């Protein structure tokens, strides 16, 4: 009986701690993309994004000024805070914490350096590789006061 309980406990522990294949790859892709994007390196960000994300990257690049580049100066840092799987093994939503990034309020308005923000990024698996799928420009999520 003890052996049975031990094996049952071990099986439950292993099954609860096993993630989906590629979770670390998906998180790395999200982090690499965000480090490039929030440091205004849109060309590098494109290497970790889907083809349909190009229009958003081009838009962000066309609205980035020399003053913006001087302000951020490669100082944006990113960490993956959490992720969750949606529906299947080819789609993740990653929560990223970004520090020292540019925040723009309107097209043509000067950007401001923001200390910290949280962003949800959708990661999809395409042809065996994880890519960020942009459906717009990243927007910082509101923090709950709970």
C-alpha atoms as a PDB file:
ATOM      1  CA  UNK A   1       0.000   0.000   0.000  1.00  0.00           C
ATOM      2  CA  UNK A   2       2.837   2.407   0.860  1.00  0.00           C
ATOM      3  CA  UNK A   3       4.545   1.614  -2.417  1.00  0.00           C
ATOM      4  CA  UNK A   4       1.314   2.322  -4.285  1.00  0.00           C
ATOM      5  CA  UNK A   5       0.868   5.685  -2.518  1.00  0.00           C
ATOM      6  CA  UNK A   6       4.505   6.571  -3.159  1.00  0.00           C
ATOM      7  CA  UNK A   7       4.198   5.783  -6.881  1.00  0.00           C
ATOM      8  CA  UNK A   8       0.890   7.643  -7.127  1.00  0.00           C
ATOM      9  CA  UNK A   9       2.397  10.720  -5.452  1.00  0.00           C
ATOM     10  CA  UNK A  10       5.465  10.571  -7.712  1.00  0.00           C
ATOM     11  CA  UNK A  11       3.306  10.269 -10.841  1.00  0.00           C
ATOM     12  CA  UNK A  12       1.151  13.239  -9.822  1.00  0.00           C
ATOM     13  CA  UNK A  13       4.208  15.348  -9.016  1.00  0.00           C
ATOM     14  CA  UNK A  14       5.873  14.599 -12.347  1.00  0.00           C
ATOM     15  CA  UNK A  15       2.718  15.219 -14.359  1.00  0.00           C
ATOM     16  CA  UNK A  16       2.045  18.542 -12.616  1.00  0.00           C
ATOM     17  CA  UNK A  17       5.585  19.805 -13.134  1.00  0.00           C
ATOM     18  CA  UNK A  18       5.948  18.833 -16.780  1.00  0.00           C
ATOM     19  CA  UNK A  19       5.386  21.766 -19.132  1.00  0.00           C
ATOM     20  CA  UNK A  20       4.619  21.669 -22.802  1.00  0.00           C
ATOM     21  CA  UNK A  21       7.425  21.138 -25.278  1.00  0.00           C
ATOM     22  CA  UNK A  22       9.161  24.369 -26.142  1.00  0.00           C
ATOM     23  CA  UNK A  23       8.071  26.483 -23.196  1.00  0.00           C
ATOM     24  CA  UNK A  24      11.602  27.767 -22.623  1.00  0.00           C
ATOM     25  CA  UNK A  25      11.988  28.390 -26.378  1.00  0.00           C
ATOM     26  CA  UNK A  26       8.728  30.361 -26.421  1.00  0.00           C
ATOM     27  CA  UNK A  27       9.802  32.438 -23.411  1.00  0.00           C
ATOM     28  CA  UNK A  28      13.229  33.084 -24.944  1.00  0.00           C
ATOM     29  CA  UNK A  29      11.632  34.200 -28.210  1.00  0.00           C
ATOM     30  CA  UNK A  30       9.306  36.587 -26.365  1.00  0.00           C
ATOM     31  CA  UNK A  31      12.165  38.006 -24.305  1.00  0.00           C
ATOM     32  CA  UNK A  32      14.516  38.377 -27.303  1.00  0.00           C
ATOM     33  CA  UNK A  33      11.800  40.068 -29.345  1.00  0.00           C
ATOM     34  CA  UNK A  34      10.909  42.461 -26.519  1.00  0.00           C
ATOM     35  CA  UNK A  35      14.538  43.401 -25.830  1.00  0.00           C
ATOM     36  CA  UNK A  36      14.967  44.313 -29.497  1.00  0.00           C
ATOM     37  CA  UNK A  37      11.584  46.035 -29.828  1.00  0.00           C
ATOM     38  CA  UNK A  38      11.805  48.142 -26.668  1.00  0.00           C
ATOM     39  CA  UNK A  39      15.372  49.178 -27.532  1.00  0.00           C
ATOM     40  CA  UNK A  40      14.079  50.358 -30.936  1.00  0.00           C
ATOM     41  CA  UNK A  41      15.956  47.665 -32.865  1.00  0.00           C
ATOM     42  CA  UNK A  42      12.979  46.853 -35.072  1.00  0.00           C
ATOM     43  CA  UNK A  43      15.035  44.965 -37.646  1.00  0.00           C
ATOM     44  CA  UNK A  44      16.195  42.492 -34.992  1.00  0.00           C
ATOM     45  CA  UNK A  45      12.676  42.321 -33.526  1.00  0.00           C
ATOM     46  CA  UNK A  46      11.410  41.275 -36.978  1.00  0.00           C
ATOM     47  CA  UNK A  47      13.563  38.126 -36.861  1.00  0.00           C
ATOM     48  CA  UNK A  48      11.472  36.915 -33.909  1.00  0.00           C
ATOM     49  CA  UNK A  49       8.109  38.022 -35.310  1.00  0.00           C
ATOM     50  CA  UNK A  50       5.610  36.631 -37.792  1.00  0.00           C
ATOM     51  CA  UNK A  51       5.418  38.059 -41.308  1.00  0.00           C
ATOM     52  CA  UNK A  52       2.090  39.753 -40.537  1.00  0.00           C
ATOM     53  CA  UNK A  53       3.807  41.649 -37.693  1.00  0.00           C
ATOM     54  CA  UNK A  54       6.039  43.521 -40.159  1.00  0.00           C
ATOM     55  CA  UNK A  55       3.487  46.282 -40.745  1.00  0.00           C
ATOM     56  CA  UNK A  56       3.438  47.077 -37.011  1.00  0.00           C
ATOM     57  CA  UNK A  57       7.217  47.039 -36.777  1.00  0.00           C
ATOM     58  CA  UNK A  58       7.488  49.351 -39.792  1.00  0.00           C
ATOM     59  CA  UNK A  59       4.925  51.693 -38.242  1.00  0.00           C
ATOM     60  CA  UNK A  60       6.830  51.793 -34.925  1.00  0.00           C
ATOM     61  CA  UNK A  61      10.128  52.393 -36.752  1.00  0.00           C
ATOM     62  CA  UNK A  62       8.678  55.198 -38.875  1.00  0.00           C
ATOM     63  CA  UNK A  63       7.494  56.991 -35.729  1.00  0.00           C
ATOM     64  CA  UNK A  64      10.782  56.683 -33.830  1.00  0.00           C
ATOM     65  CA  UNK A  65      12.965  59.793 -33.834  1.00  0.00           C
ATOM     66  CA  UNK A  66      16.667  60.323 -33.186  1.00  0.00           C
ATOM     67  CA  UNK A  67      15.682  61.911 -29.864  1.00  0.00           C
ATOM     68  CA  UNK A  68      13.812  58.709 -28.960  1.00  0.00           C
ATOM     69  CA  UNK A  69      16.893  56.620 -29.725  1.00  0.00           C
ATOM     70  CA  UNK A  70      19.057  58.875 -27.564  1.00  0.00           C
ATOM     71  CA  UNK A  71      16.532  58.699 -24.733  1.00  0.00           C
ATOM     72  CA  UNK A  72      16.263  54.896 -24.620  1.00  0.00           C
ATOM     73  CA  UNK A  73      19.952  54.368 -25.496  1.00  0.00           C
ATOM     74  CA  UNK A  74      19.678  50.560 -25.346  1.00  0.00           C
ATOM     75  CA  UNK A  75      18.649  50.667 -21.690  1.00  0.00           C
ATOM     76  CA  UNK A  76      15.347  48.773 -21.862  1.00  0.00           C
ATOM     77  CA  UNK A  77      15.446  45.491 -19.954  1.00  0.00           C
ATOM     78  CA  UNK A  78      12.953  42.627 -20.163  1.00  0.00           C
ATOM     79  CA  UNK A  79      12.008  39.664 -18.021  1.00  0.00           C
ATOM     80  CA  UNK A  80       9.327  37.055 -18.652  1.00  0.00           C
ATOM     81  CA  UNK A  81       7.004  37.168 -15.662  1.00  0.00           C
ATOM     82  CA  UNK A  82       4.592  34.371 -16.614  1.00  0.00           C
ATOM     83  CA  UNK A  83       2.967  32.570 -19.515  1.00  0.00           C
ATOM     84  CA  UNK A  84      -0.091  30.511 -20.244  1.00  0.00           C
ATOM     85  CA  UNK A  85      -1.020  28.122 -22.996  1.00  0.00           C
ATOM     86  CA  UNK A  86      -4.155  28.708 -25.014  1.00  0.00           C
ATOM     87  CA  UNK A  87      -6.030  25.837 -26.608  1.00  0.00           C
ATOM     88  CA  UNK A  88      -3.080  23.839 -27.891  1.00  0.00           C
ATOM     89  CA  UNK A  89       0.656  23.375 -27.963  1.00  0.00           C
ATOM     90  CA  UNK A  90       1.326  26.050 -30.614  1.00  0.00           C
ATOM     91  CA  UNK A  91       0.086  29.206 -28.895  1.00  0.00           C
ATOM     92  CA  UNK A  92       1.288  30.969 -25.736  1.00  0.00           C
ATOM     93  CA  UNK A  93       0.572  34.313 -24.152  1.00  0.00           C
ATOM     94  CA  UNK A  94       3.614  35.594 -22.277  1.00  0.00           C
ATOM     95  CA  UNK A  95       3.521  38.322 -19.637  1.00  0.00           C
ATOM     96  CA  UNK A  96       6.626  40.474 -19.875  1.00  0.00           C
ATOM     97  CA  UNK A  97       7.914  43.044 -17.415  1.00  0.00           C
ATOM     98  CA  UNK A  98       9.818  45.779 -19.261  1.00  0.00           C
ATOM     99  CA  UNK A  99      11.888  48.440 -17.524  1.00  0.00           C
ATOM    100  CA  UNK A 100      13.239  51.747 -18.887  1.00  0.00           C
ATOM    101  CA  UNK A 101      11.348  51.786 -22.176  1.00  0.00           C
ATOM    102  CA  UNK A 102       9.933  54.528 -24.372  1.00  0.00           C
ATOM    103  CA  UNK A 103       6.254  55.293 -24.013  1.00  0.00           C
ATOM    104  CA  UNK A 104       4.597  57.278 -26.761  1.00  0.00           C
ATOM    105  CA  UNK A 105       1.238  58.873 -26.138  1.00  0.00           C
ATOM    106  CA  UNK A 106       0.432  60.094 -29.653  1.00  0.00           C
ATOM    107  CA  UNK A 107       1.917  60.094 -33.138  1.00  0.00           C
ATOM    108  CA  UNK A 108       4.305  63.028 -33.424  1.00  0.00           C
ATOM    109  CA  UNK A 109       4.374  63.650 -29.665  1.00  0.00           C
ATOM    110  CA  UNK A 110       7.688  63.276 -27.834  1.00  0.00           C
ATOM    111  CA  UNK A 111       8.213  59.916 -26.141  1.00  0.00           C
ATOM    112  CA  UNK A 112       8.803  59.583 -22.417  1.00  0.00           C
ATOM    113  CA  UNK A 113      11.008  57.111 -20.591  1.00  0.00           C
ATOM    114  CA  UNK A 114       8.780  54.784 -18.572  1.00  0.00           C
ATOM    115  CA  UNK A 115      10.239  53.020 -15.519  1.00  0.00           C
ATOM    116  CA  UNK A 116       8.221  49.806 -15.764  1.00  0.00           C
ATOM    117  CA  UNK A 117       5.351  48.249 -17.649  1.00  0.00           C
ATOM    118  CA  UNK A 118       3.700  44.883 -18.157  1.00  0.00           C
ATOM    119  CA  UNK A 119       2.897  43.594 -21.602  1.00  0.00           C
ATOM    120  CA  UNK A 120       1.058  40.540 -22.911  1.00  0.00           C
ATOM    121  CA  UNK A 121       2.707  39.072 -26.008  1.00  0.00           C
ATOM    122  CA  UNK A 122       1.218  36.329 -28.159  1.00  0.00           C
ATOM    123  CA  UNK A 123       3.695  33.665 -29.306  1.00  0.00           C
ATOM    124  CA  UNK A 124       2.795  31.196 -32.060  1.00  0.00           C
ATOM    125  CA  UNK A 125       4.652  28.192 -33.411  1.00  0.00           C
ATOM    126  CA  UNK A 126       5.210  28.433 -37.162  1.00  0.00           C
ATOM    127  CA  UNK A 127       7.147  25.801 -39.092  1.00  0.00           C
ATOM    128  CA  UNK A 128       8.706  24.567 -35.847  1.00  0.00           C
ATOM    129  CA  UNK A 129       9.830  28.024 -34.648  1.00  0.00           C
ATOM    130  CA  UNK A 130       8.240  30.282 -32.033  1.00  0.00           C
ATOM    131  CA  UNK A 131       7.413  33.792 -33.293  1.00  0.00           C
ATOM    132  CA  UNK A 132       5.737  36.851 -31.764  1.00  0.00           C
ATOM    133  CA  UNK A 133       2.435  37.650 -33.448  1.00  0.00           C
ATOM    134  CA  UNK A 134       1.718  41.369 -33.247  1.00  0.00           C
ATOM    135  CA  UNK A 135      -1.886  42.438 -33.672  1.00  0.00           C
ATOM    136  CA  UNK A 136      -1.036  46.060 -32.942  1.00  0.00           C
ATOM    137  CA  UNK A 137       1.575  48.031 -31.064  1.00  0.00           C
ATOM    138  CA  UNK A 138       2.335  46.681 -27.587  1.00  0.00           C
ATOM    139  CA  UNK A 139       0.291  48.324 -24.840  1.00  0.00           C
ATOM    140  CA  UNK A 140       1.175  48.272 -21.192  1.00  0.00           C
ATOM    141  CA  UNK A 141      -1.394  46.419 -19.103  1.00  0.00           C
ATOM    142  CA  UNK A 142      -2.979  48.197 -16.152  1.00  0.00           C
ATOM    143  CA  UNK A 143      -1.815  46.895 -12.800  1.00  0.00           C
ATOM    144  CA  UNK A 144      -4.536  45.690 -10.476  1.00  0.00           C
ATOM    145  CA  UNK A 145      -4.591  47.223  -7.004  1.00  0.00           C
ATOM    146  CA  UNK A 146      -5.508  43.895  -5.398  1.00  0.00           C
END
